[in-house]
């Protein structure tokens, strides 16, 4: 289960480290973080061979468990998503002209990759909503990356669509709990 927790929290904690790191190291560190998470996701495939599902659950209080689960589908989605995030990071190394653009981009792409892993592996609806909101914020910031008027309008459209998705997801969760 350590691999699965690492797949989630290495990019998230690494993104926080990226926010205080000197600009010249951010791109390489982001690629390193995503590479480690990608390798761990591939290693997790072999851990699933011996068992059909890997579950981590730690009670926090009487109503909330910090719980994650890994099965074949979630590991497959993690491998594919981390591979794409890694490709984006590697191919964007030569794309940006200014260091400030790199610093901003690599923070958000790394945080987004970690949050996506959190959505894939969370087995708790509260955690699912938390990671979904992190993805929403990352998508909003990345959609408005160049700060042109059209980009900002597109970013707000992305944000409102994500808010609509969140409201519908919360309505579904409320309906589930009321059905009990």
N, C-alpha and C. Protein backbone atom coordinates (compact mmCIF):
# COMPACT_ATOMS: atom_id res chain seq x y z
N UNK A 1 0.81 -1.20 0.00
CA UNK A 1 0.00 0.00 0.00
C UNK A 1 0.86 1.26 0.00
N UNK A 2 2.10 1.10 0.45
CA UNK A 2 3.00 2.24 0.48
C UNK A 2 3.16 2.84 -0.91
N UNK A 3 3.25 1.98 -1.96
CA UNK A 3 3.38 2.48 -3.32
C UNK A 3 2.21 3.35 -3.71
N UNK A 4 1.01 2.91 -3.38
CA UNK A 4 -0.18 3.66 -3.77
C UNK A 4 -0.24 5.00 -3.06
N UNK A 5 0.06 5.03 -1.77
CA UNK A 5 0.09 6.30 -1.05
C UNK A 5 1.18 7.21 -1.60
N UNK A 6 2.30 6.62 -1.97
CA UNK A 6 3.39 7.41 -2.55
C UNK A 6 2.99 7.98 -3.91
N UNK A 7 2.25 7.19 -4.70
CA UNK A 7 1.81 7.67 -6.01
C UNK A 7 0.95 8.93 -5.85
N UNK A 8 0.16 8.99 -4.78
CA UNK A 8 -0.70 10.15 -4.54
C UNK A 8 0.09 11.32 -3.97
N UNK A 9 0.85 11.04 -2.91
CA UNK A 9 1.39 12.13 -2.12
C UNK A 9 2.77 12.63 -2.58
N UNK A 10 3.51 11.87 -3.36
CA UNK A 10 4.77 12.40 -3.90
C UNK A 10 4.52 13.60 -4.81
N UNK A 11 3.59 13.51 -5.78
CA UNK A 11 3.34 14.72 -6.58
C UNK A 11 2.73 15.88 -5.78
N UNK A 12 1.83 15.58 -4.85
CA UNK A 12 1.19 16.66 -4.09
C UNK A 12 2.19 17.37 -3.19
N UNK A 13 2.95 16.60 -2.42
CA UNK A 13 3.96 17.22 -1.55
C UNK A 13 5.09 17.82 -2.36
N UNK A 14 5.41 17.19 -3.50
CA UNK A 14 6.42 17.74 -4.38
C UNK A 14 6.00 19.07 -4.98
N UNK A 15 4.71 19.20 -5.29
CA UNK A 15 4.21 20.49 -5.80
C UNK A 15 4.37 21.58 -4.75
N UNK A 16 4.14 21.22 -3.50
CA UNK A 16 4.34 22.20 -2.42
C UNK A 16 5.82 22.59 -2.32
N UNK A 17 6.71 21.61 -2.51
CA UNK A 17 8.14 21.91 -2.51
C UNK A 17 8.51 22.77 -3.71
N UNK A 18 7.84 22.53 -4.84
CA UNK A 18 8.10 23.34 -6.04
C UNK A 18 7.78 24.81 -5.81
N UNK A 19 6.80 25.07 -4.95
CA UNK A 19 6.40 26.47 -4.72
C UNK A 19 7.48 27.29 -4.01
N UNK A 20 8.41 26.64 -3.32
CA UNK A 20 9.46 27.38 -2.61
C UNK A 20 10.84 27.14 -3.21
N UNK A 21 10.91 26.35 -4.25
CA UNK A 21 12.17 25.99 -4.89
C UNK A 21 12.62 27.09 -5.86
N UNK A 22 13.93 27.25 -6.04
CA UNK A 22 14.41 28.20 -7.05
C UNK A 22 13.88 27.83 -8.45
N UNK A 23 13.60 28.84 -9.26
CA UNK A 23 12.96 28.64 -10.56
C UNK A 23 13.73 27.73 -11.50
N UNK A 24 15.05 27.76 -11.45
CA UNK A 24 15.82 26.98 -12.41
C UNK A 24 15.75 25.47 -12.16
N UNK A 25 15.31 25.05 -10.96
CA UNK A 25 15.22 23.63 -10.65
C UNK A 25 13.80 23.06 -10.78
N UNK A 26 12.82 23.91 -10.97
CA UNK A 26 11.42 23.48 -10.91
C UNK A 26 11.06 22.50 -12.02
N UNK A 27 11.50 22.75 -13.23
CA UNK A 27 11.13 21.87 -14.34
C UNK A 27 11.71 20.47 -14.14
N UNK A 28 12.97 20.39 -13.83
CA UNK A 28 13.61 19.09 -13.63
C UNK A 28 13.04 18.34 -12.43
N UNK A 29 12.73 19.08 -11.37
CA UNK A 29 12.17 18.44 -10.18
C UNK A 29 10.77 17.91 -10.46
N UNK A 30 9.99 18.65 -11.24
CA UNK A 30 8.65 18.18 -11.60
C UNK A 30 8.72 16.91 -12.42
N UNK A 31 9.62 16.87 -13.39
CA UNK A 31 9.79 15.66 -14.21
C UNK A 31 10.25 14.50 -13.33
N UNK A 32 11.15 14.76 -12.39
CA UNK A 32 11.60 13.73 -11.46
C UNK A 32 10.45 13.19 -10.62
N UNK A 33 9.64 14.07 -10.06
CA UNK A 33 8.49 13.64 -9.24
C UNK A 33 7.52 12.79 -10.04
N UNK A 34 7.19 13.24 -11.24
CA UNK A 34 6.25 12.50 -12.07
C UNK A 34 6.86 11.17 -12.53
N UNK A 35 8.16 11.15 -12.76
CA UNK A 35 8.82 9.89 -13.13
C UNK A 35 8.77 8.88 -11.99
N UNK A 36 9.03 9.35 -10.77
CA UNK A 36 8.97 8.46 -9.61
C UNK A 36 7.56 7.91 -9.42
N UNK A 37 6.57 8.79 -9.53
CA UNK A 37 5.18 8.35 -9.37
C UNK A 37 4.80 7.36 -10.47
N UNK A 38 5.26 7.60 -11.70
CA UNK A 38 4.97 6.69 -12.80
C UNK A 38 5.61 5.33 -12.57
N UNK A 39 6.85 5.30 -12.14
CA UNK A 39 7.54 4.04 -11.86
C UNK A 39 6.84 3.29 -10.73
N UNK A 40 6.44 4.02 -9.68
CA UNK A 40 5.72 3.38 -8.57
C UNK A 40 4.38 2.81 -9.03
N UNK A 41 3.73 3.49 -9.98
CA UNK A 41 2.46 2.96 -10.47
C UNK A 41 2.68 1.66 -11.26
N UNK A 42 3.77 1.58 -11.98
CA UNK A 42 4.08 0.33 -12.70
C UNK A 42 4.42 -0.77 -11.70
N UNK A 43 5.18 -0.44 -10.66
CA UNK A 43 5.51 -1.42 -9.62
C UNK A 43 4.25 -1.92 -8.93
N UNK A 44 3.26 -1.05 -8.78
CA UNK A 44 2.01 -1.43 -8.13
C UNK A 44 1.24 -2.48 -8.92
N UNK A 45 1.45 -2.52 -10.21
CA UNK A 45 0.81 -3.56 -11.03
C UNK A 45 1.26 -4.93 -10.52
N UNK A 46 2.54 -5.07 -10.24
CA UNK A 46 3.07 -6.36 -9.76
C UNK A 46 2.59 -6.69 -8.35
N UNK A 47 2.34 -5.67 -7.54
CA UNK A 47 1.80 -5.90 -6.20
C UNK A 47 0.37 -6.41 -6.28
N UNK A 48 -0.35 -6.03 -7.33
CA UNK A 48 -1.73 -6.47 -7.49
C UNK A 48 -1.84 -7.90 -8.01
N UNK A 49 -0.75 -8.43 -8.53
CA UNK A 49 -0.78 -9.81 -9.03
C UNK A 49 -1.09 -10.78 -7.89
N UNK A 50 -0.53 -10.51 -6.73
CA UNK A 50 -0.75 -11.42 -5.60
C UNK A 50 -2.10 -11.21 -4.91
N UNK A 51 -2.67 -10.03 -5.07
CA UNK A 51 -3.99 -9.78 -4.48
C UNK A 51 -4.83 -8.98 -5.48
N UNK A 52 -6.12 -9.12 -5.39
CA UNK A 52 -6.99 -8.43 -6.34
C UNK A 52 -7.18 -6.96 -5.99
N UNK A 53 -6.99 -6.62 -4.73
CA UNK A 53 -7.20 -5.24 -4.29
C UNK A 53 -6.29 -4.95 -3.10
N UNK A 54 -5.78 -3.73 -3.06
CA UNK A 54 -4.95 -3.27 -1.95
C UNK A 54 -5.74 -2.17 -1.26
N UNK A 55 -5.94 -2.29 0.04
CA UNK A 55 -6.76 -1.33 0.77
C UNK A 55 -5.96 -0.76 1.93
N UNK A 56 -6.04 0.55 2.08
CA UNK A 56 -5.45 1.24 3.23
C UNK A 56 -6.58 2.03 3.89
N UNK A 57 -6.77 1.83 5.18
CA UNK A 57 -7.80 2.57 5.90
C UNK A 57 -7.29 2.88 7.30
N UNK A 58 -7.34 4.14 7.64
CA UNK A 58 -6.91 4.57 8.97
C UNK A 58 -7.99 5.49 9.54
N UNK A 59 -8.61 5.07 10.65
CA UNK A 59 -9.65 5.92 11.25
C UNK A 59 -9.05 7.23 11.78
N UNK A 60 -9.67 8.33 11.42
CA UNK A 60 -9.23 9.63 11.91
C UNK A 60 -10.06 10.03 13.13
N UNK A 61 -11.37 9.85 13.01
CA UNK A 61 -12.27 10.06 14.14
C UNK A 61 -13.46 9.14 13.97
N UNK A 62 -14.54 9.39 14.69
CA UNK A 62 -15.67 8.45 14.68
C UNK A 62 -16.43 8.42 13.37
N UNK A 63 -16.32 9.44 12.55
CA UNK A 63 -17.10 9.48 11.31
C UNK A 63 -16.26 9.53 10.04
N UNK A 64 -14.95 9.56 10.16
CA UNK A 64 -14.11 9.72 8.96
C UNK A 64 -12.93 8.76 8.99
N UNK A 65 -12.74 8.05 7.90
CA UNK A 65 -11.57 7.19 7.70
C UNK A 65 -10.75 7.74 6.54
N UNK A 66 -9.46 7.77 6.73
CA UNK A 66 -8.55 8.09 5.64
C UNK A 66 -8.35 6.78 4.89
N UNK A 67 -9.04 6.61 3.77
CA UNK A 67 -9.03 5.30 3.12
C UNK A 67 -8.79 5.42 1.62
N UNK A 68 -7.92 4.53 1.16
CA UNK A 68 -7.57 4.44 -0.25
C UNK A 68 -7.62 2.98 -0.66
N UNK A 69 -7.97 2.74 -1.90
CA UNK A 69 -8.02 1.38 -2.42
C UNK A 69 -7.44 1.36 -3.82
N UNK A 70 -6.70 0.31 -4.12
CA UNK A 70 -6.13 0.13 -5.44
C UNK A 70 -6.59 -1.20 -6.01
N UNK A 71 -7.16 -1.15 -7.19
CA UNK A 71 -7.53 -2.36 -7.91
C UNK A 71 -6.97 -2.25 -9.32
N UNK A 72 -7.30 -3.20 -10.15
CA UNK A 72 -6.75 -3.22 -11.50
C UNK A 72 -7.09 -1.97 -12.31
N UNK A 73 -8.33 -1.51 -12.22
CA UNK A 73 -8.74 -0.34 -12.99
C UNK A 73 -8.06 0.93 -12.50
N UNK A 74 -7.99 1.13 -11.19
CA UNK A 74 -7.37 2.35 -10.67
C UNK A 74 -5.87 2.38 -10.98
N UNK A 75 -5.20 1.23 -10.90
CA UNK A 75 -3.78 1.19 -11.25
C UNK A 75 -3.58 1.46 -12.74
N UNK A 76 -4.42 0.87 -13.58
CA UNK A 76 -4.34 1.13 -15.02
C UNK A 76 -4.52 2.61 -15.31
N UNK A 77 -5.53 3.23 -14.71
CA UNK A 77 -5.77 4.65 -14.92
C UNK A 77 -4.60 5.50 -14.41
N UNK A 78 -4.01 5.08 -13.30
CA UNK A 78 -2.86 5.80 -12.76
C UNK A 78 -1.67 5.72 -13.71
N UNK A 79 -1.41 4.54 -14.24
CA UNK A 79 -0.28 4.38 -15.17
C UNK A 79 -0.48 5.25 -16.40
N UNK A 80 -1.66 5.20 -16.98
CA UNK A 80 -1.93 5.98 -18.20
C UNK A 80 -1.85 7.49 -17.90
N UNK A 81 -2.49 7.93 -16.83
CA UNK A 81 -2.51 9.36 -16.50
C UNK A 81 -1.12 9.90 -16.15
N UNK A 82 -0.37 9.13 -15.39
CA UNK A 82 0.99 9.58 -15.04
C UNK A 82 1.90 9.57 -16.25
N UNK A 83 1.70 8.62 -17.15
CA UNK A 83 2.49 8.61 -18.38
C UNK A 83 2.21 9.86 -19.20
N UNK A 84 0.94 10.24 -19.32
CA UNK A 84 0.58 11.44 -20.07
C UNK A 84 1.12 12.69 -19.38
N UNK A 85 0.98 12.77 -18.05
CA UNK A 85 1.51 13.92 -17.31
C UNK A 85 3.02 14.02 -17.45
N UNK A 86 3.69 12.87 -17.43
CA UNK A 86 5.14 12.85 -17.61
C UNK A 86 5.52 13.32 -19.01
N UNK A 87 4.80 12.85 -20.02
CA UNK A 87 5.06 13.31 -21.39
C UNK A 87 4.86 14.81 -21.52
N UNK A 88 3.79 15.32 -20.93
CA UNK A 88 3.54 16.77 -20.97
C UNK A 88 4.70 17.53 -20.34
N UNK A 89 5.15 17.05 -19.19
CA UNK A 89 6.25 17.74 -18.50
C UNK A 89 7.55 17.67 -19.29
N UNK A 90 7.85 16.52 -19.86
CA UNK A 90 9.10 16.38 -20.62
C UNK A 90 9.07 17.23 -21.89
N UNK A 91 7.98 17.16 -22.64
CA UNK A 91 7.92 17.90 -23.89
C UNK A 91 7.77 19.40 -23.69
N UNK A 92 7.35 19.82 -22.51
CA UNK A 92 7.23 21.25 -22.26
C UNK A 92 8.54 21.87 -21.76
N UNK A 93 9.57 21.05 -21.55
CA UNK A 93 10.84 21.59 -21.07
C UNK A 93 11.41 22.66 -22.00
N UNK A 94 11.29 22.46 -23.30
CA UNK A 94 11.83 23.42 -24.27
C UNK A 94 10.79 24.41 -24.77
N UNK A 95 9.56 24.27 -24.30
CA UNK A 95 8.47 25.07 -24.84
C UNK A 95 8.43 26.48 -24.27
N UNK A 96 8.65 26.63 -23.00
CA UNK A 96 8.48 27.93 -22.36
C UNK A 96 9.71 28.80 -22.54
N UNK A 97 9.45 30.07 -22.77
CA UNK A 97 10.55 31.03 -23.00
C UNK A 97 11.05 31.63 -21.69
N UNK A 98 10.14 31.92 -20.78
CA UNK A 98 10.51 32.61 -19.54
C UNK A 98 10.45 31.67 -18.34
N UNK A 99 11.39 31.80 -17.41
CA UNK A 99 11.39 30.94 -16.22
C UNK A 99 10.13 31.07 -15.38
N UNK A 100 9.52 32.26 -15.35
CA UNK A 100 8.30 32.43 -14.55
C UNK A 100 7.18 31.55 -15.09
N UNK A 101 7.08 31.44 -16.41
CA UNK A 101 6.08 30.57 -17.01
C UNK A 101 6.30 29.12 -16.59
N UNK A 102 7.56 28.67 -16.60
CA UNK A 102 7.88 27.30 -16.20
C UNK A 102 7.48 27.05 -14.74
N UNK A 103 7.84 27.99 -13.89
CA UNK A 103 7.58 27.81 -12.46
C UNK A 103 6.09 27.66 -12.20
N UNK A 104 5.30 28.48 -12.84
CA UNK A 104 3.85 28.47 -12.68
C UNK A 104 3.27 27.17 -13.23
N UNK A 105 3.68 26.79 -14.41
CA UNK A 105 3.13 25.61 -15.08
C UNK A 105 3.47 24.32 -14.32
N UNK A 106 4.71 24.14 -13.95
CA UNK A 106 5.12 22.88 -13.33
C UNK A 106 4.51 22.67 -11.95
N UNK A 107 4.27 23.74 -11.22
CA UNK A 107 3.57 23.60 -9.95
C UNK A 107 2.17 23.04 -10.18
N UNK A 108 1.42 23.66 -11.09
CA UNK A 108 0.03 23.26 -11.30
C UNK A 108 -0.10 21.90 -11.95
N UNK A 109 0.79 21.54 -12.87
CA UNK A 109 0.68 20.24 -13.53
C UNK A 109 1.03 19.11 -12.56
N UNK A 110 1.99 19.34 -11.69
CA UNK A 110 2.38 18.33 -10.71
C UNK A 110 1.29 18.16 -9.65
N UNK A 111 0.75 19.26 -9.17
CA UNK A 111 -0.34 19.19 -8.21
C UNK A 111 -1.56 18.50 -8.81
N UNK A 112 -1.85 18.80 -10.07
CA UNK A 112 -2.99 18.18 -10.75
C UNK A 112 -2.79 16.68 -10.89
N UNK A 113 -1.60 16.26 -11.23
CA UNK A 113 -1.32 14.82 -11.36
C UNK A 113 -1.53 14.11 -10.02
N UNK A 114 -1.06 14.70 -8.93
CA UNK A 114 -1.27 14.11 -7.62
C UNK A 114 -2.74 14.04 -7.24
N UNK A 115 -3.49 15.09 -7.56
CA UNK A 115 -4.92 15.10 -7.24
C UNK A 115 -5.68 14.08 -8.07
N UNK A 116 -5.28 13.91 -9.33
CA UNK A 116 -5.91 12.89 -10.17
C UNK A 116 -5.67 11.50 -9.56
N UNK A 117 -4.47 11.27 -9.06
CA UNK A 117 -4.20 9.99 -8.40
C UNK A 117 -5.06 9.83 -7.15
N UNK A 118 -5.28 10.92 -6.43
CA UNK A 118 -6.16 10.87 -5.27
C UNK A 118 -7.58 10.49 -5.64
N UNK A 119 -8.07 11.01 -6.76
CA UNK A 119 -9.42 10.63 -7.23
C UNK A 119 -9.46 9.16 -7.59
N UNK A 120 -8.43 8.68 -8.25
CA UNK A 120 -8.41 7.27 -8.68
C UNK A 120 -8.39 6.31 -7.49
N UNK A 121 -7.67 6.65 -6.43
CA UNK A 121 -7.45 5.71 -5.34
C UNK A 121 -8.31 5.96 -4.10
N UNK A 122 -9.00 7.08 -4.01
CA UNK A 122 -9.77 7.33 -2.80
C UNK A 122 -10.97 6.40 -2.73
N UNK A 123 -11.17 5.84 -1.56
CA UNK A 123 -12.33 4.97 -1.36
C UNK A 123 -13.26 5.60 -0.32
N UNK A 124 -13.22 6.89 -0.26
CA UNK A 124 -14.00 7.66 0.69
C UNK A 124 -14.58 8.84 -0.09
N UNK A 125 -15.86 9.09 0.04
CA UNK A 125 -16.49 10.15 -0.74
C UNK A 125 -16.00 11.54 -0.36
N UNK A 126 -15.62 11.74 0.89
CA UNK A 126 -15.08 13.03 1.31
C UNK A 126 -13.74 13.28 0.63
N UNK A 127 -12.88 12.27 0.61
CA UNK A 127 -11.60 12.41 -0.07
C UNK A 127 -11.77 12.59 -1.57
N UNK A 128 -12.73 11.88 -2.13
CA UNK A 128 -13.02 12.04 -3.56
C UNK A 128 -13.38 13.48 -3.88
N UNK A 129 -14.24 14.08 -3.07
CA UNK A 129 -14.62 15.49 -3.28
C UNK A 129 -13.43 16.42 -3.09
N UNK A 130 -12.60 16.16 -2.09
CA UNK A 130 -11.42 16.99 -1.85
C UNK A 130 -10.48 16.97 -3.05
N UNK A 131 -10.15 15.78 -3.52
CA UNK A 131 -9.24 15.67 -4.66
C UNK A 131 -9.88 16.23 -5.93
N UNK A 132 -11.18 16.07 -6.08
CA UNK A 132 -11.89 16.62 -7.24
C UNK A 132 -11.77 18.14 -7.26
N UNK A 133 -11.90 18.77 -6.09
CA UNK A 133 -11.78 20.22 -6.02
C UNK A 133 -10.37 20.70 -6.32
N UNK A 134 -9.38 19.94 -5.90
CA UNK A 134 -7.99 20.30 -6.24
C UNK A 134 -7.80 20.24 -7.75
N UNK A 135 -8.35 19.22 -8.39
CA UNK A 135 -8.27 19.12 -9.85
C UNK A 135 -8.98 20.31 -10.50
N UNK A 136 -10.12 20.71 -9.96
CA UNK A 136 -10.87 21.84 -10.51
C UNK A 136 -10.04 23.12 -10.48
N UNK A 137 -9.38 23.35 -9.37
CA UNK A 137 -8.56 24.55 -9.24
C UNK A 137 -7.37 24.49 -10.20
N UNK A 138 -6.74 23.32 -10.29
CA UNK A 138 -5.61 23.16 -11.21
C UNK A 138 -6.04 23.37 -12.66
N UNK A 139 -7.17 22.80 -13.03
CA UNK A 139 -7.68 22.95 -14.41
C UNK A 139 -7.99 24.41 -14.71
N UNK A 140 -8.55 25.11 -13.73
CA UNK A 140 -8.85 26.53 -13.90
C UNK A 140 -7.57 27.34 -14.13
N UNK A 141 -6.55 27.07 -13.31
CA UNK A 141 -5.30 27.82 -13.44
C UNK A 141 -4.56 27.47 -14.74
N UNK A 142 -4.59 26.19 -15.13
CA UNK A 142 -3.90 25.79 -16.35
C UNK A 142 -4.63 26.27 -17.61
N UNK A 143 -5.96 26.32 -17.55
CA UNK A 143 -6.72 26.79 -18.72
C UNK A 143 -6.48 28.28 -18.97
N UNK A 144 -6.25 29.05 -17.93
CA UNK A 144 -5.98 30.47 -18.07
C UNK A 144 -4.50 30.80 -18.02
N UNK A 145 -3.69 29.87 -18.45
CA UNK A 145 -2.24 29.96 -18.28
C UNK A 145 -1.62 31.21 -18.91
N UNK A 146 -2.01 31.53 -20.14
CA UNK A 146 -1.35 32.65 -20.83
C UNK A 146 -1.94 34.01 -20.51
N UNK A 147 -3.03 34.04 -19.77
CA UNK A 147 -3.63 35.27 -19.26
C UNK A 147 -4.11 36.22 -20.35
N UNK A 148 -4.34 35.70 -21.56
CA UNK A 148 -5.00 36.51 -22.58
C UNK A 148 -6.50 36.49 -22.28
N UNK A 149 -7.22 37.43 -22.84
CA UNK A 149 -8.66 37.54 -22.57
C UNK A 149 -9.40 36.25 -22.92
N UNK A 150 -9.07 35.65 -24.07
CA UNK A 150 -9.75 34.41 -24.46
C UNK A 150 -9.40 33.26 -23.53
N UNK A 151 -8.16 33.24 -23.05
CA UNK A 151 -7.75 32.19 -22.10
C UNK A 151 -8.46 32.34 -20.76
N UNK A 152 -8.61 33.58 -20.33
CA UNK A 152 -9.28 33.82 -19.05
C UNK A 152 -10.75 33.44 -19.15
N UNK A 153 -11.39 33.76 -20.26
CA UNK A 153 -12.79 33.36 -20.45
C UNK A 153 -12.92 31.83 -20.48
N UNK A 154 -11.99 31.18 -21.16
CA UNK A 154 -12.02 29.71 -21.20
C UNK A 154 -11.78 29.12 -19.80
N UNK A 155 -10.91 29.75 -19.04
CA UNK A 155 -10.64 29.27 -17.69
C UNK A 155 -11.88 29.37 -16.82
N UNK A 156 -12.61 30.46 -16.94
CA UNK A 156 -13.84 30.58 -16.15
C UNK A 156 -14.90 29.59 -16.60
N UNK A 157 -14.96 29.29 -17.89
CA UNK A 157 -15.90 28.27 -18.36
C UNK A 157 -15.53 26.91 -17.76
N UNK A 158 -14.25 26.59 -17.75
CA UNK A 158 -13.78 25.34 -17.14
C UNK A 158 -14.15 25.31 -15.66
N UNK A 159 -13.94 26.43 -14.99
CA UNK A 159 -14.24 26.50 -13.56
C UNK A 159 -15.73 26.30 -13.30
N UNK A 160 -16.58 26.93 -14.09
CA UNK A 160 -18.02 26.79 -13.87
C UNK A 160 -18.51 25.39 -14.19
N UNK A 161 -17.94 24.76 -15.20
CA UNK A 161 -18.31 23.37 -15.50
C UNK A 161 -17.88 22.46 -14.36
N UNK A 162 -16.71 22.69 -13.82
CA UNK A 162 -16.25 21.89 -12.68
C UNK A 162 -17.10 22.13 -11.45
N UNK A 163 -17.54 23.37 -11.23
CA UNK A 163 -18.43 23.64 -10.10
C UNK A 163 -19.75 22.91 -10.30
N UNK A 164 -20.26 22.92 -11.52
CA UNK A 164 -21.49 22.18 -11.80
C UNK A 164 -21.30 20.69 -11.51
N UNK A 165 -20.17 20.14 -11.93
CA UNK A 165 -19.86 18.74 -11.63
C UNK A 165 -19.78 18.48 -10.14
N UNK A 166 -19.19 19.41 -9.41
CA UNK A 166 -19.09 19.26 -7.96
C UNK A 166 -20.46 19.29 -7.30
N UNK A 167 -21.29 20.22 -7.72
CA UNK A 167 -22.64 20.32 -7.14
C UNK A 167 -23.43 19.04 -7.42
N UNK A 168 -23.34 18.53 -8.65
CA UNK A 168 -24.04 17.29 -8.97
C UNK A 168 -23.48 16.10 -8.20
N UNK A 169 -22.16 16.06 -8.03
CA UNK A 169 -21.56 14.99 -7.25
C UNK A 169 -22.01 15.06 -5.78
N UNK A 170 -22.02 16.26 -5.21
CA UNK A 170 -22.48 16.41 -3.82
C UNK A 170 -23.95 16.05 -3.69
N UNK A 171 -24.76 16.40 -4.68
CA UNK A 171 -26.18 16.02 -4.65
C UNK A 171 -26.32 14.50 -4.68
N UNK A 172 -25.51 13.84 -5.49
CA UNK A 172 -25.53 12.38 -5.52
C UNK A 172 -25.10 11.77 -4.20
N UNK A 173 -24.10 12.35 -3.57
CA UNK A 173 -23.64 11.85 -2.27
C UNK A 173 -24.74 12.03 -1.22
N UNK A 174 -25.40 13.17 -1.23
CA UNK A 174 -26.50 13.40 -0.29
C UNK A 174 -27.63 12.40 -0.52
N UNK A 175 -27.95 12.14 -1.79
CA UNK A 175 -28.98 11.15 -2.10
C UNK A 175 -28.58 9.75 -1.62
N UNK A 176 -27.31 9.41 -1.75
CA UNK A 176 -26.83 8.12 -1.26
C UNK A 176 -27.00 8.00 0.24
N UNK A 177 -26.63 9.04 0.97
CA UNK A 177 -26.73 8.98 2.43
C UNK A 177 -28.19 9.01 2.90
N UNK A 178 -29.04 9.70 2.16
CA UNK A 178 -30.45 9.72 2.55
C UNK A 178 -31.14 8.41 2.24
N UNK A 179 -30.60 7.64 1.30
CA UNK A 179 -31.22 6.37 0.93
C UNK A 179 -30.97 5.30 1.98
N UNK A 180 -30.01 5.52 2.86
CA UNK A 180 -29.70 4.52 3.89
C UNK A 180 -30.85 4.27 4.78
